N, C-alpha and C. Protein backbone atom coordinates (compact mmCIF):
# COMPACT_ATOMS: atom_id res chain seq x y z
N UNK A 1 -5.71 -11.84 -9.82
CA UNK A 1 -4.68 -12.43 -9.32
C UNK A 1 -4.03 -12.11 -7.84
N UNK A 2 -4.10 -10.88 -7.56
CA UNK A 2 -3.89 -10.63 -6.20
C UNK A 2 -4.61 -11.43 -5.12
N UNK A 3 -5.97 -11.48 -5.29
CA UNK A 3 -6.89 -12.12 -4.37
C UNK A 3 -6.58 -13.47 -4.42
N UNK A 4 -6.17 -14.03 -5.67
CA UNK A 4 -5.71 -15.57 -5.43
C UNK A 4 -4.44 -15.91 -4.83
N UNK A 5 -3.44 -15.00 -4.76
CA UNK A 5 -2.52 -15.21 -3.86
C UNK A 5 -2.38 -14.90 -2.66
N UNK A 6 -3.44 -13.95 -2.27
CA UNK A 6 -3.74 -13.81 -1.02
C UNK A 6 -4.53 -15.20 -0.19
N UNK A 7 -5.49 -15.79 -1.12
CA UNK A 7 -6.12 -16.60 -0.49
C UNK A 7 -5.09 -17.92 -0.45
N UNK A 8 -4.11 -18.02 -1.43
CA UNK A 8 -3.19 -19.16 -1.22
C UNK A 8 -2.26 -18.81 0.08
N UNK A 9 -1.87 -17.68 0.31
CA UNK A 9 -1.07 -17.55 1.54
C UNK A 9 -1.90 -18.02 2.81
N UNK A 10 -3.03 -17.47 3.23
CA UNK A 10 -3.91 -17.79 3.99
C UNK A 10 -4.01 -19.63 4.10
N UNK A 11 -4.08 -19.85 2.89
CA UNK A 11 -4.47 -21.60 2.90
C UNK A 11 -3.05 -22.17 3.36
N UNK A 12 -1.96 -21.88 3.14
CA UNK A 12 -0.71 -22.29 3.83
C UNK A 12 -0.40 -21.97 5.23
N UNK A 13 -1.14 -21.02 5.70
CA UNK A 13 -1.16 -20.78 7.06
C UNK A 13 -2.10 -21.90 7.80
N UNK A 14 -3.26 -22.14 7.06
CA UNK A 14 -4.43 -23.00 7.85
C UNK A 14 -3.84 -24.41 7.98
N UNK A 15 -2.67 -25.07 7.23
CA UNK A 15 -2.25 -26.13 7.28
C UNK A 15 -1.42 -26.69 8.69
N UNK A 16 -1.24 -25.42 9.42
CA UNK A 16 -0.40 -25.75 10.55
C UNK A 16 -1.17 -26.06 11.87
N UNK A 17 -0.98 -27.36 12.58
CA UNK A 17 -1.76 -27.47 13.53
C UNK A 17 -1.29 -26.87 14.98
N UNK A 18 -1.96 -27.29 15.76
CA UNK A 18 -1.60 -26.55 17.15
C UNK A 18 -0.19 -27.21 17.81
N UNK A 19 0.27 -28.31 17.64
CA UNK A 19 1.51 -28.88 17.60
C UNK A 19 2.51 -28.54 17.12
N UNK A 20 2.62 -27.65 16.00
CA UNK A 20 3.66 -27.39 15.17
C UNK A 20 4.74 -26.80 16.09
N UNK A 21 5.96 -26.88 15.72
CA UNK A 21 7.12 -26.33 16.24
C UNK A 21 7.44 -25.00 15.63
N UNK A 22 7.69 -24.03 16.71
CA UNK A 22 8.17 -22.55 16.19
C UNK A 22 9.42 -22.48 16.27
N UNK A 23 10.03 -21.87 15.49
CA UNK A 23 11.37 -21.09 15.52
C UNK A 23 11.45 -19.78 14.67
N UNK A 24 12.25 -19.23 15.04
CA UNK A 24 12.50 -17.78 14.37
C UNK A 24 13.97 -17.22 14.43
N UNK A 25 14.17 -16.46 13.21
CA UNK A 25 15.66 -16.04 12.98
C UNK A 25 15.94 -14.83 12.23
N UNK A 26 17.23 -14.78 11.70
CA UNK A 26 17.48 -13.61 10.80
C UNK A 26 17.87 -14.22 9.60
N UNK A 27 17.53 -13.69 8.44
CA UNK A 27 17.68 -14.10 7.27
C UNK A 27 18.26 -12.97 5.97
N UNK A 28 19.38 -13.31 5.50
CA UNK A 28 20.05 -12.32 4.75
C UNK A 28 20.48 -13.04 3.50
N UNK A 29 20.83 -12.22 2.70
CA UNK A 29 21.39 -12.93 1.31
C UNK A 29 21.68 -12.08 0.13
N UNK A 30 21.87 -12.59 -1.01
CA UNK A 30 22.28 -11.94 -2.55
C UNK A 30 20.98 -12.03 -3.29
N UNK A 31 20.79 -10.75 -4.01
CA UNK A 31 19.67 -10.82 -5.05
C UNK A 31 20.75 -10.76 -6.40
N UNK A 32 20.62 -11.75 -7.35
CA UNK A 32 21.15 -11.69 -8.59
C UNK A 32 19.87 -11.22 -9.44
N UNK A 33 19.72 -10.16 -10.05
CA UNK A 33 18.49 -9.65 -10.79
C UNK A 33 18.68 -9.67 -12.21
N UNK A 34 17.59 -10.51 -12.96
CA UNK A 34 17.54 -10.19 -14.51
C UNK A 34 16.26 -9.41 -14.82
N UNK A 35 16.47 -8.02 -15.17
CA UNK A 35 15.74 -7.08 -15.39
C UNK A 35 15.34 -7.30 -16.98
N UNK A 36 13.95 -7.48 -17.24
CA UNK A 36 13.77 -7.80 -18.68
C UNK A 36 13.06 -6.22 -19.20
N UNK A 37 13.88 -5.38 -19.55
CA UNK A 37 13.42 -4.29 -20.31
C UNK A 37 13.59 -4.33 -21.73
N UNK A 38 12.91 -4.02 -22.75
CA UNK A 38 13.10 -4.31 -24.12
C UNK A 38 12.72 -2.86 -24.80
N UNK A 39 13.33 -2.05 -25.24
CA UNK A 39 13.02 -1.09 -26.02
C UNK A 39 12.11 -1.03 -27.42
N UNK A 40 11.69 0.17 -27.81
CA UNK A 40 10.94 0.12 -28.91
C UNK A 40 11.50 -0.49 -29.93
N UNK A 41 12.96 -0.31 -30.12
CA UNK A 41 13.77 -0.66 -31.30
C UNK A 41 14.05 -2.39 -31.38
N UNK A 42 13.72 -2.75 -30.13
CA UNK A 42 13.98 -4.04 -30.27
C UNK A 42 15.41 -4.46 -29.36
N UNK A 43 15.96 -3.42 -29.15
CA UNK A 43 17.44 -3.65 -28.26
C UNK A 43 16.98 -3.34 -26.91
N UNK A 44 17.97 -3.62 -26.13
CA UNK A 44 17.79 -3.59 -24.56
C UNK A 44 17.93 -2.39 -24.28
N UNK A 45 17.13 -1.79 -23.44
CA UNK A 45 17.32 -0.51 -22.82
C UNK A 45 18.38 -0.36 -21.99
N UNK A 46 19.14 -1.21 -21.39
CA UNK A 46 20.44 -1.39 -20.57
C UNK A 46 21.10 -2.10 -21.07
N UNK A 47 22.48 -1.94 -20.57
CA UNK A 47 23.60 -2.65 -21.04
C UNK A 47 23.84 -3.98 -20.51
N UNK A 48 23.44 -4.21 -19.48
CA UNK A 48 23.64 -5.60 -18.77
C UNK A 48 22.28 -6.10 -18.57
N UNK A 49 22.52 -7.35 -18.38
CA UNK A 49 21.03 -8.20 -17.95
C UNK A 49 20.82 -8.48 -16.57
N UNK A 50 22.38 -8.35 -15.73
CA UNK A 50 22.05 -8.70 -14.33
C UNK A 50 22.47 -7.72 -13.48
N UNK A 51 22.09 -7.59 -12.23
CA UNK A 51 22.32 -6.67 -11.18
C UNK A 51 22.17 -7.30 -9.91
N UNK A 52 23.12 -6.73 -8.99
CA UNK A 52 23.04 -7.37 -7.71
C UNK A 52 22.72 -6.58 -6.67
N UNK A 53 22.16 -7.20 -5.60
CA UNK A 53 21.48 -6.40 -4.49
C UNK A 53 21.93 -7.50 -3.29
N UNK A 54 20.83 -6.98 -2.29
CA UNK A 54 20.89 -7.73 -1.08
C UNK A 54 19.48 -7.82 -0.55
N UNK A 55 19.25 -8.75 0.62
CA UNK A 55 17.90 -8.65 1.24
C UNK A 55 18.31 -9.14 2.87
N UNK A 56 17.70 -8.63 3.94
CA UNK A 56 18.01 -9.32 5.20
C UNK A 56 16.60 -8.78 6.04
N UNK A 57 16.21 -9.40 6.94
CA UNK A 57 15.26 -9.21 7.85
C UNK A 57 14.80 -10.44 8.82
N UNK A 58 13.81 -10.44 9.69
CA UNK A 58 13.71 -11.49 10.36
C UNK A 58 12.62 -12.48 9.71
N UNK A 59 12.80 -13.74 10.19
CA UNK A 59 11.83 -14.68 9.55
C UNK A 59 11.30 -15.62 10.77
N UNK A 60 10.22 -16.21 10.39
CA UNK A 60 9.55 -17.16 11.30
C UNK A 60 9.36 -18.61 10.63
N UNK A 61 9.18 -19.69 11.24
CA UNK A 61 8.97 -20.92 10.62
C UNK A 61 8.10 -21.76 11.67
N UNK A 62 6.91 -22.33 11.21
CA UNK A 62 6.36 -23.27 12.09
C UNK A 62 6.26 -24.74 11.20
N UNK A 63 6.70 -25.76 11.86
CA UNK A 63 6.75 -27.11 11.21
C UNK A 63 6.34 -28.11 12.09
N UNK A 64 5.48 -29.08 11.17
CA UNK A 64 4.64 -30.08 11.97
C UNK A 64 5.79 -31.35 12.23
N UNK A 65 5.82 -31.72 13.38
CA UNK A 65 6.91 -32.82 13.75
C UNK A 65 6.62 -34.03 13.18
N UNK A 66 7.77 -34.73 12.82
CA UNK A 66 7.70 -35.94 12.04
C UNK A 66 7.34 -35.80 10.45
N UNK A 67 6.52 -35.20 9.80
CA UNK A 67 6.35 -35.06 8.81
C UNK A 67 7.10 -34.32 7.78
N UNK A 68 7.59 -33.26 8.72
CA UNK A 68 8.36 -32.38 7.85
C UNK A 68 7.82 -31.38 7.20
N UNK A 69 6.22 -31.12 7.29
CA UNK A 69 5.79 -29.92 6.56
C UNK A 69 5.56 -28.71 7.29
N UNK A 70 5.80 -27.59 6.83
CA UNK A 70 5.53 -26.27 7.69
C UNK A 70 5.36 -25.23 6.76
N UNK A 71 5.36 -24.05 7.34
CA UNK A 71 5.10 -22.73 6.67
C UNK A 71 6.42 -21.98 7.27
N UNK A 72 6.99 -21.13 6.01
CA UNK A 72 8.07 -20.22 6.51
C UNK A 72 7.64 -18.80 6.11
N UNK A 73 7.70 -17.75 6.78
CA UNK A 73 7.51 -16.49 6.50
C UNK A 73 8.66 -15.55 6.91
N UNK A 74 8.72 -14.32 6.35
CA UNK A 74 9.79 -13.39 6.64
C UNK A 74 9.36 -11.99 6.19
N UNK A 75 10.04 -10.87 6.95
CA UNK A 75 9.79 -9.50 6.42
C UNK A 75 11.20 -8.91 6.10
N UNK A 76 11.33 -8.91 4.86
CA UNK A 76 12.72 -8.47 4.34
C UNK A 76 12.85 -7.11 3.71
N UNK A 77 14.10 -6.28 4.30
CA UNK A 77 14.36 -5.27 3.57
C UNK A 77 15.05 -5.67 2.08
N UNK A 78 14.73 -5.55 1.01
CA UNK A 78 15.18 -6.08 -0.16
C UNK A 78 15.65 -4.90 -1.13
N UNK A 79 16.90 -5.02 -1.68
CA UNK A 79 17.48 -3.85 -2.67
C UNK A 79 17.93 -4.75 -3.95
N UNK A 80 17.39 -4.52 -5.31
CA UNK A 80 17.63 -5.18 -6.30
C UNK A 80 18.54 -4.36 -7.26
N UNK A 81 18.31 -2.94 -7.36
CA UNK A 81 19.12 -2.22 -8.18
C UNK A 81 18.59 -2.37 -9.80
N UNK A 82 18.57 -1.07 -10.31
CA UNK A 82 18.20 -1.02 -11.79
C UNK A 82 19.04 -0.22 -12.31
N UNK A 83 20.21 -0.67 -13.26
CA UNK A 83 21.12 0.17 -14.01
C UNK A 83 20.50 0.89 -15.28
N UNK A 84 20.50 2.09 -15.19
CA UNK A 84 19.60 2.58 -16.44
C UNK A 84 20.67 3.06 -17.31
N UNK A 85 22.08 3.10 -17.07
CA UNK A 85 22.94 3.59 -18.03
C UNK A 85 24.26 3.30 -17.50
N UNK A 86 25.41 3.61 -18.18
CA UNK A 86 26.79 3.26 -17.56
C UNK A 86 27.05 4.20 -16.18
N UNK A 87 26.39 5.26 -16.21
CA UNK A 87 26.83 6.08 -14.99
C UNK A 87 25.33 6.37 -14.20
N UNK A 88 24.18 5.85 -14.56
CA UNK A 88 22.84 6.23 -13.60
C UNK A 88 22.50 4.72 -13.03
N UNK A 89 22.10 4.71 -11.86
CA UNK A 89 21.44 3.39 -11.14
C UNK A 89 20.37 3.87 -10.43
N UNK A 90 19.59 3.25 -10.43
CA UNK A 90 18.17 3.37 -9.73
C UNK A 90 17.95 2.16 -8.63
N UNK A 91 17.97 2.68 -7.54
CA UNK A 91 17.70 1.50 -6.49
C UNK A 91 16.30 1.08 -6.32
N UNK A 92 16.22 -0.34 -6.49
CA UNK A 92 14.69 -0.77 -6.32
C UNK A 92 14.62 -1.53 -5.12
N UNK A 93 13.95 -0.43 -4.22
CA UNK A 93 13.87 -0.93 -2.82
C UNK A 93 12.58 -1.37 -2.34
N UNK A 94 12.55 -2.43 -1.37
CA UNK A 94 11.15 -2.79 -1.08
C UNK A 94 11.19 -3.72 0.25
N UNK A 95 9.74 -3.46 0.91
CA UNK A 95 9.73 -4.44 1.99
C UNK A 95 9.29 -5.87 1.42
N UNK A 96 10.09 -6.88 1.54
CA UNK A 96 9.30 -7.87 0.88
C UNK A 96 8.75 -9.04 1.82
N UNK A 97 7.53 -9.72 1.58
CA UNK A 97 6.96 -10.65 2.71
C UNK A 97 6.72 -11.85 1.95
N UNK A 98 7.71 -12.52 1.99
CA UNK A 98 7.43 -14.16 1.30
C UNK A 98 6.78 -14.92 2.19
N UNK A 99 5.76 -15.91 1.71
CA UNK A 99 5.36 -16.85 2.67
C UNK A 99 5.57 -18.26 2.10
N UNK A 100 5.92 -19.18 2.49
CA UNK A 100 6.24 -20.32 1.66
C UNK A 100 5.99 -21.71 2.42
N UNK A 101 5.28 -22.61 1.76
CA UNK A 101 5.03 -24.06 2.20
C UNK A 101 6.46 -24.77 2.15
N UNK A 102 6.68 -25.38 3.14
CA UNK A 102 8.22 -25.82 3.53
C UNK A 102 8.02 -27.27 3.63
N UNK A 103 8.99 -28.40 2.95
CA UNK A 103 8.98 -29.71 3.36
C UNK A 103 10.43 -30.07 3.58
N UNK A 104 10.71 -30.61 4.83
CA UNK A 104 12.08 -30.74 5.23
C UNK A 104 12.18 -32.24 5.33
N UNK A 105 13.46 -32.80 4.86
CA UNK A 105 13.63 -34.29 4.95
C UNK A 105 14.93 -34.25 5.67
N UNK A 106 14.93 -35.18 6.78
CA UNK A 106 16.16 -35.22 7.72
C UNK A 106 17.05 -36.28 6.98
N UNK A 107 18.35 -35.98 7.39
CA UNK A 107 19.42 -36.51 6.85
C UNK A 107 20.27 -36.94 8.34
N UNK A 108 19.52 -37.47 9.06
CA UNK A 108 20.35 -37.64 10.67
C UNK A 108 19.94 -36.44 11.61
N UNK A 109 20.54 -36.59 12.82
CA UNK A 109 19.94 -35.46 13.70
C UNK A 109 20.61 -34.01 13.55
N UNK A 110 21.64 -33.97 12.53
CA UNK A 110 22.31 -32.72 12.56
C UNK A 110 21.96 -31.92 11.00
N UNK A 111 21.20 -32.60 10.18
CA UNK A 111 21.11 -32.15 8.93
C UNK A 111 19.92 -32.50 8.27
N UNK A 112 19.56 -31.63 7.37
CA UNK A 112 18.14 -32.00 6.58
C UNK A 112 18.36 -31.16 5.21
N UNK A 113 17.66 -31.52 4.20
CA UNK A 113 17.48 -30.71 3.06
C UNK A 113 15.89 -30.30 3.02
N UNK A 114 15.43 -29.18 2.42
CA UNK A 114 14.16 -28.68 2.38
C UNK A 114 13.95 -27.95 0.69
N UNK A 115 12.69 -28.36 0.68
CA UNK A 115 12.03 -27.78 -0.51
C UNK A 115 10.97 -26.66 -0.26
N UNK A 116 10.73 -25.64 -0.71
CA UNK A 116 9.93 -24.51 -0.51
C UNK A 116 9.28 -23.90 -1.74
N UNK A 117 7.88 -23.45 -1.65
CA UNK A 117 7.45 -22.79 -2.70
C UNK A 117 6.19 -21.87 -2.12
N UNK A 118 6.09 -20.46 -2.63
CA UNK A 118 4.99 -19.90 -2.33
C UNK A 118 4.93 -18.42 -2.72
N UNK A 119 3.85 -17.60 -2.39
CA UNK A 119 3.99 -16.23 -3.01
C UNK A 119 4.67 -15.32 -2.09
N UNK A 120 5.00 -14.14 -2.90
CA UNK A 120 5.58 -13.06 -2.20
C UNK A 120 4.95 -11.80 -2.62
N UNK A 121 4.89 -10.85 -1.59
CA UNK A 121 4.30 -9.58 -1.61
C UNK A 121 5.39 -8.29 -1.32
N UNK A 122 5.65 -7.67 -2.47
CA UNK A 122 6.61 -6.42 -2.29
C UNK A 122 6.04 -5.07 -2.19
N UNK A 123 6.44 -4.39 -1.14
CA UNK A 123 5.91 -2.82 -0.92
C UNK A 123 7.04 -1.86 -1.21
N UNK A 124 7.08 -1.35 -2.51
CA UNK A 124 8.40 -0.48 -3.02
C UNK A 124 8.37 0.86 -1.74
N UNK A 125 9.62 0.98 -1.47
CA UNK A 125 10.09 2.05 -0.68
C UNK A 125 10.98 2.89 -1.46
N UNK A 126 11.25 4.29 -1.27
CA UNK A 126 12.07 5.35 -1.70
C UNK A 126 11.61 5.83 -2.99
N UNK A 127 12.70 6.18 -3.91
CA UNK A 127 12.29 6.87 -5.29
C UNK A 127 11.80 5.82 -6.13
N UNK A 128 10.60 5.83 -6.33
CA UNK A 128 10.03 5.20 -7.55
C UNK A 128 10.20 5.59 -9.00
N UNK A 129 10.63 6.75 -9.13
CA UNK A 129 10.66 7.47 -10.67
C UNK A 129 11.88 7.71 -10.79
N UNK A 130 12.41 7.89 -12.04
CA UNK A 130 13.66 8.23 -12.44
C UNK A 130 13.73 8.87 -13.96
N UNK A 131 14.13 9.76 -14.20
CA UNK A 131 14.27 10.50 -15.60
C UNK A 131 15.72 10.50 -16.05
N UNK A 132 16.26 9.91 -17.07
CA UNK A 132 17.66 9.94 -17.48
C UNK A 132 17.60 10.60 -19.05
N UNK A 133 18.41 11.51 -19.15
CA UNK A 133 18.56 12.13 -20.37
C UNK A 133 19.73 11.47 -21.03
N UNK A 134 19.70 11.11 -22.38
CA UNK A 134 20.66 10.34 -23.05
C UNK A 134 20.83 11.27 -24.38
N UNK A 135 21.47 12.22 -24.39
CA UNK A 135 21.57 13.34 -25.47
C UNK A 135 20.36 13.86 -25.93
N UNK A 136 19.82 14.17 -26.69
CA UNK A 136 18.83 14.57 -27.06
C UNK A 136 17.19 13.55 -26.60
N UNK A 137 17.59 12.35 -25.96
CA UNK A 137 16.66 11.78 -25.93
C UNK A 137 16.28 11.51 -24.15
N UNK A 138 15.16 11.30 -24.01
CA UNK A 138 14.70 11.14 -22.40
C UNK A 138 14.16 9.75 -22.37
N UNK A 139 15.01 9.04 -21.38
CA UNK A 139 14.23 7.62 -20.76
C UNK A 139 13.87 8.02 -19.22
N UNK A 140 12.41 7.28 -19.20
CA UNK A 140 11.64 7.36 -17.95
C UNK A 140 11.55 6.00 -17.30
N UNK A 141 11.96 5.87 -16.04
CA UNK A 141 11.67 4.77 -15.33
C UNK A 141 10.79 4.84 -14.17
N UNK A 142 9.63 4.02 -13.98
CA UNK A 142 8.68 4.31 -12.92
C UNK A 142 8.35 2.94 -12.19
N UNK A 143 8.46 2.68 -11.23
CA UNK A 143 8.25 1.28 -10.48
C UNK A 143 6.87 1.25 -9.90
N UNK A 144 6.23 0.21 -9.84
CA UNK A 144 4.98 0.03 -9.15
C UNK A 144 5.05 0.19 -7.64
N UNK A 145 4.02 0.61 -7.11
CA UNK A 145 4.09 0.71 -5.46
C UNK A 145 4.12 -0.64 -4.94
N UNK A 146 3.68 -1.70 -5.29
CA UNK A 146 3.71 -3.00 -4.83
C UNK A 146 3.46 -4.20 -5.98
N UNK A 147 4.36 -5.12 -5.91
CA UNK A 147 4.32 -6.30 -6.78
C UNK A 147 4.16 -7.70 -6.46
N UNK A 148 3.66 -8.74 -7.10
CA UNK A 148 3.49 -10.16 -6.71
C UNK A 148 4.73 -10.91 -7.56
N UNK A 149 4.99 -11.83 -6.70
CA UNK A 149 5.79 -12.97 -7.27
C UNK A 149 5.69 -14.33 -6.91
N UNK A 150 6.23 -15.34 -7.10
CA UNK A 150 6.28 -16.66 -6.90
C UNK A 150 7.55 -17.15 -6.60
N UNK A 151 7.84 -17.80 -5.19
CA UNK A 151 9.20 -18.28 -4.72
C UNK A 151 9.27 -19.80 -5.01
N UNK A 152 10.33 -20.30 -5.57
CA UNK A 152 10.45 -21.56 -5.60
C UNK A 152 12.14 -21.96 -5.08
N UNK A 153 12.29 -22.61 -3.98
CA UNK A 153 13.58 -22.94 -3.45
C UNK A 153 13.65 -24.35 -2.97
N UNK A 154 15.18 -24.29 -2.69
CA UNK A 154 15.64 -25.63 -1.98
C UNK A 154 17.01 -25.18 -1.12
N UNK A 155 17.21 -25.98 -0.40
CA UNK A 155 18.41 -25.76 0.47
C UNK A 155 18.80 -26.64 1.56
N UNK A 156 19.48 -26.55 2.57
CA UNK A 156 19.67 -27.62 3.54
C UNK A 156 19.61 -26.67 5.02
N UNK A 157 19.59 -27.62 6.12
CA UNK A 157 19.47 -27.26 7.51
C UNK A 157 20.65 -27.92 8.07
N UNK A 158 21.56 -27.25 8.80
CA UNK A 158 22.30 -27.89 9.42
C UNK A 158 22.46 -27.32 11.18
N UNK A 159 22.62 -28.38 11.83
CA UNK A 159 22.68 -28.20 13.42
C UNK A 159 21.62 -27.53 14.08
N UNK A 160 20.52 -27.57 13.31
CA UNK A 160 19.29 -27.04 14.01
C UNK A 160 19.14 -25.44 14.04
N UNK A 161 20.18 -24.99 13.44
CA UNK A 161 20.18 -23.50 13.57
C UNK A 161 20.52 -22.84 12.26
N UNK A 162 21.19 -23.28 11.35
CA UNK A 162 21.71 -22.61 9.96
C UNK A 162 20.83 -23.32 8.73
N UNK A 163 20.47 -22.53 8.08
CA UNK A 163 19.90 -22.81 6.93
C UNK A 163 20.30 -22.07 5.66
N UNK A 164 20.88 -22.73 4.69
CA UNK A 164 21.47 -22.24 3.53
C UNK A 164 20.79 -22.83 2.33
N UNK A 165 20.21 -21.84 1.40
CA UNK A 165 19.53 -22.43 -0.07
C UNK A 165 19.60 -21.33 -1.04
N UNK A 166 19.03 -21.88 -2.35
CA UNK A 166 18.75 -20.84 -3.22
C UNK A 166 17.48 -21.01 -3.72
N UNK A 167 17.19 -19.77 -3.91
CA UNK A 167 15.61 -19.50 -4.38
C UNK A 167 15.59 -18.74 -5.70
N UNK A 168 14.49 -19.04 -6.22
CA UNK A 168 14.26 -18.38 -7.69
C UNK A 168 12.92 -17.81 -7.55
N UNK A 169 12.89 -16.50 -7.80
CA UNK A 169 11.92 -15.59 -7.38
C UNK A 169 11.28 -15.22 -9.19
N UNK A 170 10.16 -15.59 -9.25
CA UNK A 170 9.32 -15.45 -10.84
C UNK A 170 8.19 -14.40 -10.52
N UNK A 171 8.32 -13.27 -11.30
CA UNK A 171 7.48 -12.24 -11.16
C UNK A 171 6.13 -12.66 -11.71
N UNK A 172 4.91 -12.06 -11.25
CA UNK A 172 3.64 -12.18 -11.38
C UNK A 172 3.18 -10.85 -11.96
N UNK A 173 3.33 -9.91 -11.66
CA UNK A 173 2.87 -8.68 -11.81
C UNK A 173 4.14 -8.01 -12.38
N UNK A 174 4.06 -6.75 -12.99
CA UNK A 174 5.36 -6.07 -13.46
C UNK A 174 5.81 -5.12 -12.59
N UNK A 175 7.25 -4.98 -12.89
CA UNK A 175 7.92 -4.43 -11.69
C UNK A 175 7.62 -2.90 -12.11
N UNK A 176 7.30 -2.72 -13.12
CA UNK A 176 7.16 -1.14 -13.47
C UNK A 176 6.96 -0.77 -14.88
N UNK A 177 7.58 0.49 -15.36
CA UNK A 177 7.18 0.61 -16.72
C UNK A 177 8.54 1.48 -17.26
N UNK A 178 9.00 1.38 -18.47
CA UNK A 178 10.01 2.18 -19.16
C UNK A 178 9.30 3.02 -20.22
N UNK A 179 9.65 4.18 -20.52
CA UNK A 179 9.42 5.14 -21.67
C UNK A 179 10.53 5.80 -21.96
N UNK A 180 10.24 5.97 -23.32
CA UNK A 180 11.39 6.40 -24.20
C UNK A 180 11.01 7.50 -25.09
N UNK A 181 11.36 8.86 -24.91
CA UNK A 181 10.89 9.86 -25.86
C UNK A 181 12.11 10.14 -26.60
N UNK A 182 12.05 10.11 -28.16
CA UNK A 182 12.95 10.96 -28.92
C UNK A 182 13.08 12.25 -29.21
N UNK A 183 14.06 12.94 -28.91
CA UNK A 183 14.21 14.61 -29.45
C UNK A 183 13.15 15.44 -28.74
N UNK A 184 12.90 15.23 -27.36
CA UNK A 184 11.64 16.05 -26.75
C UNK A 184 12.17 17.71 -26.73
N UNK A 185 13.50 18.08 -27.15
CA UNK A 185 13.59 19.52 -26.92
C UNK A 185 13.90 20.09 -28.10
N UNK A 186 14.05 19.58 -29.33
CA UNK A 186 13.99 20.01 -30.69
C UNK A 186 12.96 20.39 -31.55
N UNK A 187 11.84 19.89 -30.98
CA UNK A 187 10.49 20.24 -31.81
C UNK A 187 10.15 18.89 -32.47
N UNK A 188 10.69 17.96 -32.53
CA UNK A 188 10.40 16.70 -33.14
C UNK A 188 10.27 15.25 -32.42
N UNK A 189 9.73 15.69 -30.96
CA UNK A 189 9.44 14.68 -30.16
C UNK A 189 8.72 13.44 -30.80
N UNK A 190 9.10 12.41 -30.35
CA UNK A 190 8.57 11.29 -30.64
C UNK A 190 8.28 10.23 -29.38
N UNK A 191 7.10 10.25 -28.91
CA UNK A 191 6.78 9.37 -27.46
C UNK A 191 6.32 7.97 -27.89
N UNK A 192 7.18 7.29 -27.52
CA UNK A 192 6.96 5.82 -27.77
C UNK A 192 6.08 5.13 -26.68
N UNK A 193 5.38 4.26 -26.71
CA UNK A 193 4.49 3.61 -25.94
C UNK A 193 5.54 2.93 -24.76
N UNK A 194 4.81 3.22 -23.36
CA UNK A 194 5.67 2.53 -22.31
C UNK A 194 5.85 0.95 -22.44
N UNK A 195 6.85 0.64 -22.01
CA UNK A 195 7.23 -0.89 -22.01
C UNK A 195 7.26 -1.46 -20.50
N UNK A 196 6.60 -2.44 -20.34
CA UNK A 196 6.63 -3.25 -18.91
C UNK A 196 8.10 -3.48 -18.50
N UNK A 197 8.32 -3.37 -17.24
CA UNK A 197 9.60 -4.08 -16.82
C UNK A 197 9.27 -5.21 -15.82
N UNK A 198 10.02 -6.39 -16.04
CA UNK A 198 9.75 -7.31 -15.12
C UNK A 198 11.13 -7.65 -14.80
N UNK A 199 11.28 -8.36 -13.52
CA UNK A 199 12.43 -8.71 -12.94
C UNK A 199 12.59 -9.87 -12.10
N UNK A 200 13.04 -10.86 -12.86
CA UNK A 200 13.23 -12.12 -12.17
C UNK A 200 14.41 -12.30 -11.52
N UNK A 201 14.63 -13.27 -10.14
CA UNK A 201 15.67 -12.98 -9.50
C UNK A 201 16.03 -14.22 -8.65
N UNK A 202 17.33 -14.43 -8.90
CA UNK A 202 17.81 -15.48 -8.15
C UNK A 202 18.70 -15.19 -6.66
N UNK A 203 18.35 -15.91 -5.73
CA UNK A 203 18.78 -15.60 -4.48
C UNK A 203 19.25 -16.60 -3.85
N UNK A 204 20.59 -16.19 -3.21
CA UNK A 204 21.38 -17.11 -2.35
C UNK A 204 21.10 -16.55 -0.87
N UNK A 205 20.59 -17.24 -0.09
CA UNK A 205 20.32 -16.99 1.34
C UNK A 205 20.85 -17.68 2.39
N UNK A 206 21.07 -17.02 3.62
CA UNK A 206 21.50 -17.66 4.52
C UNK A 206 20.68 -17.27 5.99
N UNK A 207 20.21 -18.56 6.77
CA UNK A 207 19.26 -18.18 8.07
C UNK A 207 19.83 -18.64 9.20
N UNK A 208 19.85 -17.81 10.04
CA UNK A 208 20.06 -18.42 11.64
C UNK A 208 18.80 -18.38 12.61
N UNK A 209 18.48 -19.36 12.99
CA UNK A 209 17.23 -19.60 13.47
C UNK A 209 17.56 -19.70 15.24
N UNK A 210 16.60 -19.28 16.06
CA UNK A 210 16.99 -19.40 17.47
C UNK A 210 15.87 -20.55 17.90
């Protein structure tokens, strides 16, 4: 799967001819994350479904004149957040590299709408493991060092410099794993099988290009 996504990214870049227009800028926005974690008893291991975070970093875009097709790529610091109890929060931090094929449709000289889709690779940074004690039970959260996902989004371009859009990030690989151990300190410990964590993300993003 990883090889297929790498090939897809390279294929997107190969579509761009020498006459393409280049622009670069700064992108930032909000992550609204739905962490899918299901405990062995069928109940959620967390108390909430969604958590907020942010992302920011440089981006670049190559666009073919007239037909409106191009490639958009960015290098973003992204923080999603993972709330593991009412009082315990684990930062899910990464360097995200999204690459998207982008189609823009002009609405006059100063505005356009765009549609984008493509793969994203995240390299995790910071603390990847967290152990949380809940009474006599222990909950362990372990994040993967890297993850793959697919982005699908749309938005508007204004006055040739501003882009505002909504993006949905769909996980391809797991975000990490959750393990639940009952009564590990009283001699009757029960180790349950690890459960995969997946995180789909709704993103609201704003880009300023130069």
